[in-house]
Amino acid sequence: MNENSIKVVKVTTTDRIVKNMMMKVLPKETASISTRDDVRLDADIYRPDAEGEFPVILM
């Protein structure tokens, strides 16, 4: 796995099938927001280069 790929694990609860796949990732985006007390919060956003809905992981 390189820095431009992400491992996606899809779990379906009805039949408990786990499917692993590798996908290309779009270039990293950075989003910033300032809070009321002037603290800047930054987030790096990595999105798959594919159509569809994907889960979000916050760390």
PDB file of N, CA and C in Angstrom:
ATOM      1  N   MET A   1       0.846  -1.164   0.000  1.00  0.00           N
ATOM      2  CA  MET A   1       0.000   0.000   0.000  1.00  0.00           C
ATOM      3  C   MET A   1       0.897   1.233   0.000  1.00  0.00           C
ATOM      4  N   ASN A   2       0.599   2.208  -0.880  1.00  0.00           N
ATOM      5  CA  ASN A   2       1.370   3.442  -0.902  1.00  0.00           C
ATOM      6  C   ASN A   2       0.531   4.586  -0.346  1.00  0.00           C
ATOM      7  N   GLU A   3       1.074   5.818  -0.362  1.00  0.00           N
ATOM      8  CA  GLU A   3       0.368   6.936   0.266  1.00  0.00           C
ATOM      9  C   GLU A   3      -0.848   7.384  -0.533  1.00  0.00           C
ATOM     10  N   ASN A   4      -1.002   6.920  -1.776  1.00  0.00           N
ATOM     11  CA  ASN A   4      -2.148   7.284  -2.598  1.00  0.00           C
ATOM     12  C   ASN A   4      -3.176   6.172  -2.712  1.00  0.00           C
ATOM     13  N   SER A   5      -3.174   5.252  -1.766  1.00  0.00           N
ATOM     14  CA  SER A   5      -4.192   4.209  -1.765  1.00  0.00           C
ATOM     15  C   SER A   5      -4.690   4.017  -0.349  1.00  0.00           C
ATOM     16  N   ILE A   6      -5.882   3.520  -0.260  1.00  0.00           N
ATOM     17  CA  ILE A   6      -6.519   3.319   1.038  1.00  0.00           C
ATOM     18  C   ILE A   6      -7.185   1.948   1.018  1.00  0.00           C
ATOM     19  N   LYS A   7      -7.152   1.270   2.115  1.00  0.00           N
ATOM     20  CA  LYS A   7      -7.806  -0.032   2.212  1.00  0.00           C
ATOM     21  C   LYS A   7      -9.207   0.185   2.761  1.00  0.00           C
ATOM     22  N   VAL A   8     -10.196  -0.277   2.028  1.00  0.00           N
ATOM     23  CA  VAL A   8     -11.589  -0.129   2.431  1.00  0.00           C
ATOM     24  C   VAL A   8     -12.121  -1.496   2.803  1.00  0.00           C
ATOM     25  N   VAL A   9     -12.707  -1.598   3.955  1.00  0.00           N
ATOM     26  CA  VAL A   9     -13.312  -2.850   4.396  1.00  0.00           C
ATOM     27  C   VAL A   9     -14.807  -2.624   4.479  1.00  0.00           C
ATOM     28  N   LYS A  10     -15.567  -3.412   3.749  1.00  0.00           N
ATOM     29  CA  LYS A  10     -17.022  -3.285   3.738  1.00  0.00           C
ATOM     30  C   LYS A  10     -17.615  -4.476   4.463  1.00  0.00           C
ATOM     31  N   VAL A  11     -18.441  -4.206   5.450  1.00  0.00           N
ATOM     32  CA  VAL A  11     -19.100  -5.266   6.202  1.00  0.00           C
ATOM     33  C   VAL A  11     -20.599  -5.105   6.016  1.00  0.00           C
ATOM     34  N   THR A  12     -21.232  -6.145   5.524  1.00  0.00           N
ATOM     35  CA  THR A  12     -22.690  -6.117   5.424  1.00  0.00           C
ATOM     36  C   THR A  12     -23.249  -6.916   6.587  1.00  0.00           C
ATOM     37  N   THR A  13     -24.178  -6.317   7.322  1.00  0.00           N
ATOM     38  CA  THR A  13     -24.670  -6.954   8.538  1.00  0.00           C
ATOM     39  C   THR A  13     -25.661  -8.071   8.260  1.00  0.00           C
ATOM     40  N   THR A  14     -26.284  -8.073   7.085  1.00  0.00           N
ATOM     41  CA  THR A  14     -27.288  -9.104   6.815  1.00  0.00           C
ATOM     42  C   THR A  14     -26.662 -10.477   6.581  1.00  0.00           C
ATOM     43  N   ASP A  15     -25.551 -10.533   5.856  1.00  0.00           N
ATOM     44  CA  ASP A  15     -24.957 -11.844   5.566  1.00  0.00           C
ATOM     45  C   ASP A  15     -23.544 -11.991   6.116  1.00  0.00           C
ATOM     46  N   ARG A  16     -23.062 -10.990   6.837  1.00  0.00           N
ATOM     47  CA  ARG A  16     -21.755 -11.029   7.492  1.00  0.00           C
ATOM     48  C   ARG A  16     -20.605 -11.313   6.540  1.00  0.00           C
ATOM     49  N   ILE A  17     -20.722 -10.820   5.314  1.00  0.00           N
ATOM     50  CA  ILE A  17     -19.635 -10.976   4.348  1.00  0.00           C
ATOM     51  C   ILE A  17     -18.714  -9.775   4.484  1.00  0.00           C
ATOM     52  N   VAL A  18     -17.426 -10.030   4.570  1.00  0.00           N
ATOM     53  CA  VAL A  18     -16.443  -8.961   4.644  1.00  0.00           C
ATOM     54  C   VAL A  18     -15.696  -8.936   3.323  1.00  0.00           C
ATOM     55  N   LYS A  19     -15.658  -7.769   2.695  1.00  0.00           N
ATOM     56  CA  LYS A  19     -15.005  -7.641   1.397  1.00  0.00           C
ATOM     57  C   LYS A  19     -13.888  -6.613   1.523  1.00  0.00           C
ATOM     58  N   ASN A  20     -12.667  -6.992   1.150  1.00  0.00           N
ATOM     59  CA  ASN A  20     -11.521  -6.087   1.173  1.00  0.00           C
ATOM     60  C   ASN A  20     -11.217  -5.641  -0.246  1.00  0.00           C
ATOM     61  N   MET A  21     -10.907  -4.362  -0.413  1.00  0.00           N
ATOM     62  CA  MET A  21     -10.538  -3.872  -1.732  1.00  0.00           C
ATOM     63  C   MET A  21      -9.568  -2.699  -1.581  1.00  0.00           C
ATOM     64  N   MET A  22      -8.750  -2.506  -2.585  1.00  0.00           N
ATOM     65  CA  MET A  22      -7.844  -1.368  -2.621  1.00  0.00           C
ATOM     66  C   MET A  22      -8.402  -0.360  -3.612  1.00  0.00           C
ATOM     67  N   MET A  23      -8.360   0.935  -3.243  1.00  0.00           N
ATOM     68  CA  MET A  23      -8.867   1.985  -4.114  1.00  0.00           C
ATOM     69  C   MET A  23      -7.845   3.111  -4.198  1.00  0.00           C
ATOM     70  N   LYS A  24      -7.855   3.802  -5.306  1.00  0.00           N
ATOM     71  CA  LYS A  24      -7.031   5.001  -5.423  1.00  0.00           C
ATOM     72  C   LYS A  24      -7.652   6.109  -4.587  1.00  0.00           C
ATOM     73  N   VAL A  25      -6.798   7.019  -4.114  1.00  0.00           N
ATOM     74  CA  VAL A  25      -7.249   8.117  -3.267  1.00  0.00           C
ATOM     75  C   VAL A  25      -6.949   9.431  -3.976  1.00  0.00           C
ATOM     76  N   LEU A  26      -7.899  10.358  -3.929  1.00  0.00           N
ATOM     77  CA  LEU A  26      -7.689  11.685  -4.481  1.00  0.00           C
ATOM     78  C   LEU A  26      -6.625  12.409  -3.656  1.00  0.00           C
ATOM     79  N   PRO A  27      -5.989  13.433  -4.221  1.00  0.00           N
ATOM     80  CA  PRO A  27      -4.998  14.186  -3.436  1.00  0.00           C
ATOM     81  C   PRO A  27      -5.615  14.723  -2.141  1.00  0.00           C
ATOM     82  N   LYS A  28      -4.788  14.773  -1.103  1.00  0.00           N
ATOM     83  CA  LYS A  28      -5.230  15.220   0.212  1.00  0.00           C
ATOM     84  C   LYS A  28      -5.738  16.658   0.152  1.00  0.00           C
ATOM     85  N   GLU A  29      -6.865  16.911   0.822  1.00  0.00           N
ATOM     86  CA  GLU A  29      -7.386  18.264   0.977  1.00  0.00           C
ATOM     87  C   GLU A  29      -7.251  18.638   2.453  1.00  0.00           C
ATOM     88  N   THR A  30      -7.041  19.920   2.724  1.00  0.00           N
ATOM     89  CA  THR A  30      -6.979  20.390   4.100  1.00  0.00           C
ATOM     90  C   THR A  30      -8.106  21.385   4.314  1.00  0.00           C
ATOM     91  N   ALA A  31      -8.873  21.188   5.373  1.00  0.00           N
ATOM     92  CA  ALA A  31      -9.958  22.097   5.739  1.00  0.00           C
ATOM     93  C   ALA A  31      -9.631  22.704   7.091  1.00  0.00           C
ATOM     94  N   SER A  32      -9.907  24.002   7.245  1.00  0.00           N
ATOM     95  CA  SER A  32      -9.644  24.702   8.504  1.00  0.00           C
ATOM     96  C   SER A  32     -10.906  25.412   8.969  1.00  0.00           C
ATOM     97  N   ILE A  33     -11.049  25.518  10.261  1.00  0.00           N
ATOM     98  CA  ILE A  33     -12.156  26.257  10.857  1.00  0.00           C
ATOM     99  C   ILE A  33     -11.632  26.944  12.116  1.00  0.00           C
ATOM    100  N   SER A  34     -12.101  28.150  12.359  1.00  0.00           N
ATOM    101  CA  SER A  34     -11.729  28.870  13.578  1.00  0.00           C
ATOM    102  C   SER A  34     -12.886  28.825  14.565  1.00  0.00           C
ATOM    103  N   THR A  35     -12.566  28.515  15.799  1.00  0.00           N
ATOM    104  CA  THR A  35     -13.594  28.475  16.833  1.00  0.00           C
ATOM    105  C   THR A  35     -13.809  29.877  17.405  1.00  0.00           C
ATOM    106  N   ARG A  36     -14.816  30.023  18.249  1.00  0.00           N
ATOM    107  CA  ARG A  36     -15.122  31.333  18.832  1.00  0.00           C
ATOM    108  C   ARG A  36     -13.982  31.885  19.667  1.00  0.00           C
ATOM    109  N   ASP A  37     -13.165  31.004  20.234  1.00  0.00           N
ATOM    110  CA  ASP A  37     -12.038  31.476  21.046  1.00  0.00           C
ATOM    111  C   ASP A  37     -10.737  31.542  20.230  1.00  0.00           C
ATOM    112  N   ASP A  38     -10.869  31.678  18.915  1.00  0.00           N
ATOM    113  CA  ASP A  38      -9.759  31.858  17.977  1.00  0.00           C
ATOM    114  C   ASP A  38      -8.762  30.705  17.941  1.00  0.00           C
ATOM    115  N   VAL A  39      -9.232  29.499  18.182  1.00  0.00           N
ATOM    116  CA  VAL A  39      -8.405  28.311  17.994  1.00  0.00           C
ATOM    117  C   VAL A  39      -8.694  27.789  16.588  1.00  0.00           C
ATOM    118  N   ARG A  40      -7.640  27.534  15.816  1.00  0.00           N
ATOM    119  CA  ARG A  40      -7.824  27.008  14.472  1.00  0.00           C
ATOM    120  C   ARG A  40      -7.757  25.482  14.506  1.00  0.00           C
ATOM    121  N   LEU A  41      -8.770  24.845  13.951  1.00  0.00           N
ATOM    122  CA  LEU A  41      -8.809  23.388  13.839  1.00  0.00           C
ATOM    123  C   LEU A  41      -8.597  23.034  12.373  1.00  0.00           C
ATOM    124  N   ASP A  42      -7.653  22.146  12.116  1.00  0.00           N
ATOM    125  CA  ASP A  42      -7.360  21.695  10.754  1.00  0.00           C
ATOM    126  C   ASP A  42      -7.686  20.220  10.617  1.00  0.00           C
ATOM    127  N   ALA A  43      -8.105  19.848   9.422  1.00  0.00           N
ATOM    128  CA  ALA A  43      -8.386  18.437   9.142  1.00  0.00           C
ATOM    129  C   ALA A  43      -7.817  18.089   7.776  1.00  0.00           C
ATOM    130  N   ASP A  44      -7.155  16.953   7.683  1.00  0.00           N
ATOM    131  CA  ASP A  44      -6.715  16.419   6.399  1.00  0.00           C
ATOM    132  C   ASP A  44      -7.813  15.487   5.906  1.00  0.00           C
ATOM    133  N   ILE A  45      -8.241  15.689   4.664  1.00  0.00           N
ATOM    134  CA  ILE A  45      -9.351  14.914   4.107  1.00  0.00           C
ATOM    135  C   ILE A  45      -8.813  14.038   2.983  1.00  0.00           C
ATOM    136  N   TYR A  46      -8.997  12.743   3.129  1.00  0.00           N
ATOM    137  CA  TYR A  46      -8.630  11.770   2.104  1.00  0.00           C
ATOM    138  C   TYR A  46      -9.920  11.127   1.605  1.00  0.00           C
ATOM    139  N   ARG A  47     -10.153  11.200   0.283  1.00  0.00           N
ATOM    140  CA  ARG A  47     -11.368  10.628  -0.286  1.00  0.00           C
ATOM    141  C   ARG A  47     -11.008   9.622  -1.373  1.00  0.00           C
ATOM    142  N   PRO A  48     -11.771   8.552  -1.479  1.00  0.00           N
ATOM    143  CA  PRO A  48     -11.497   7.576  -2.544  1.00  0.00           C
ATOM    144  C   PRO A  48     -11.837   8.175  -3.906  1.00  0.00           C
ATOM    145  N   ASP A  49     -11.107   7.759  -4.916  1.00  0.00           N
ATOM    146  CA  ASP A  49     -11.347   8.207  -6.287  1.00  0.00           C
ATOM    147  C   ASP A  49     -12.372   7.271  -6.919  1.00  0.00           C
ATOM    148  N   ALA A  50     -13.593   7.316  -6.385  1.00  0.00           N
ATOM    149  CA  ALA A  50     -14.665   6.441  -6.855  1.00  0.00           C
ATOM    150  C   ALA A  50     -16.007   7.061  -6.503  1.00  0.00           C
ATOM    151  N   GLU A  51     -17.019   6.647  -7.218  1.00  0.00           N
ATOM    152  CA  GLU A  51     -18.385   7.091  -6.936  1.00  0.00           C
ATOM    153  C   GLU A  51     -18.971   6.247  -5.824  1.00  0.00           C
ATOM    154  N   GLY A  52     -19.943   6.791  -5.123  1.00  0.00           N
ATOM    155  CA  GLY A  52     -20.651   6.014  -4.102  1.00  0.00           C
ATOM    156  C   GLY A  52     -20.500   6.612  -2.725  1.00  0.00           C
ATOM    157  N   GLU A  53     -21.100   5.945  -1.769  1.00  0.00           N
ATOM    158  CA  GLU A  53     -21.045   6.375  -0.383  1.00  0.00           C
ATOM    159  C   GLU A  53     -19.976   5.574   0.349  1.00  0.00           C
ATOM    160  N   PHE A  54     -19.219   6.255   1.214  1.00  0.00           N
ATOM    161  CA  PHE A  54     -18.153   5.618   1.959  1.00  0.00           C
ATOM    162  C   PHE A  54     -18.223   6.073   3.404  1.00  0.00           C
ATOM    163  N   PRO A  55     -17.813   5.236   4.348  1.00  0.00           N
ATOM    164  CA  PRO A  55     -17.822   5.642   5.751  1.00  0.00           C
ATOM    165  C   PRO A  55     -16.745   6.682   6.032  1.00  0.00           C
ATOM    166  N   VAL A  56     -16.920   7.398   7.112  1.00  0.00           N
ATOM    167  CA  VAL A  56     -15.963   8.423   7.537  1.00  0.00           C
ATOM    168  C   VAL A  56     -15.271   7.946   8.799  1.00  0.00           C
ATOM    169  N   ILE A  57     -13.963   8.160   8.871  1.00  0.00           N
ATOM    170  CA  ILE A  57     -13.190   7.811  10.058  1.00  0.00           C
ATOM    171  C   ILE A  57     -12.595   9.100  10.602  1.00  0.00           C
ATOM    172  N   LEU A  58     -12.929   9.429  11.834  1.00  0.00           N
ATOM    173  CA  LEU A  58     -12.370  10.604  12.495  1.00  0.00           C
ATOM    174  C   LEU A  58     -11.379  10.133  13.538  1.00  0.00           C
ATOM    175  N   MET A  59     -10.208  10.778  13.568  1.00  0.00           N
ATOM    176  CA  MET A  59      -9.175  10.401  14.545  1.00  0.00           C
ATOM    177  C   MET A  59      -8.722  11.633  15.278  1.00  0.00           C
TER     178      MET A  59
END
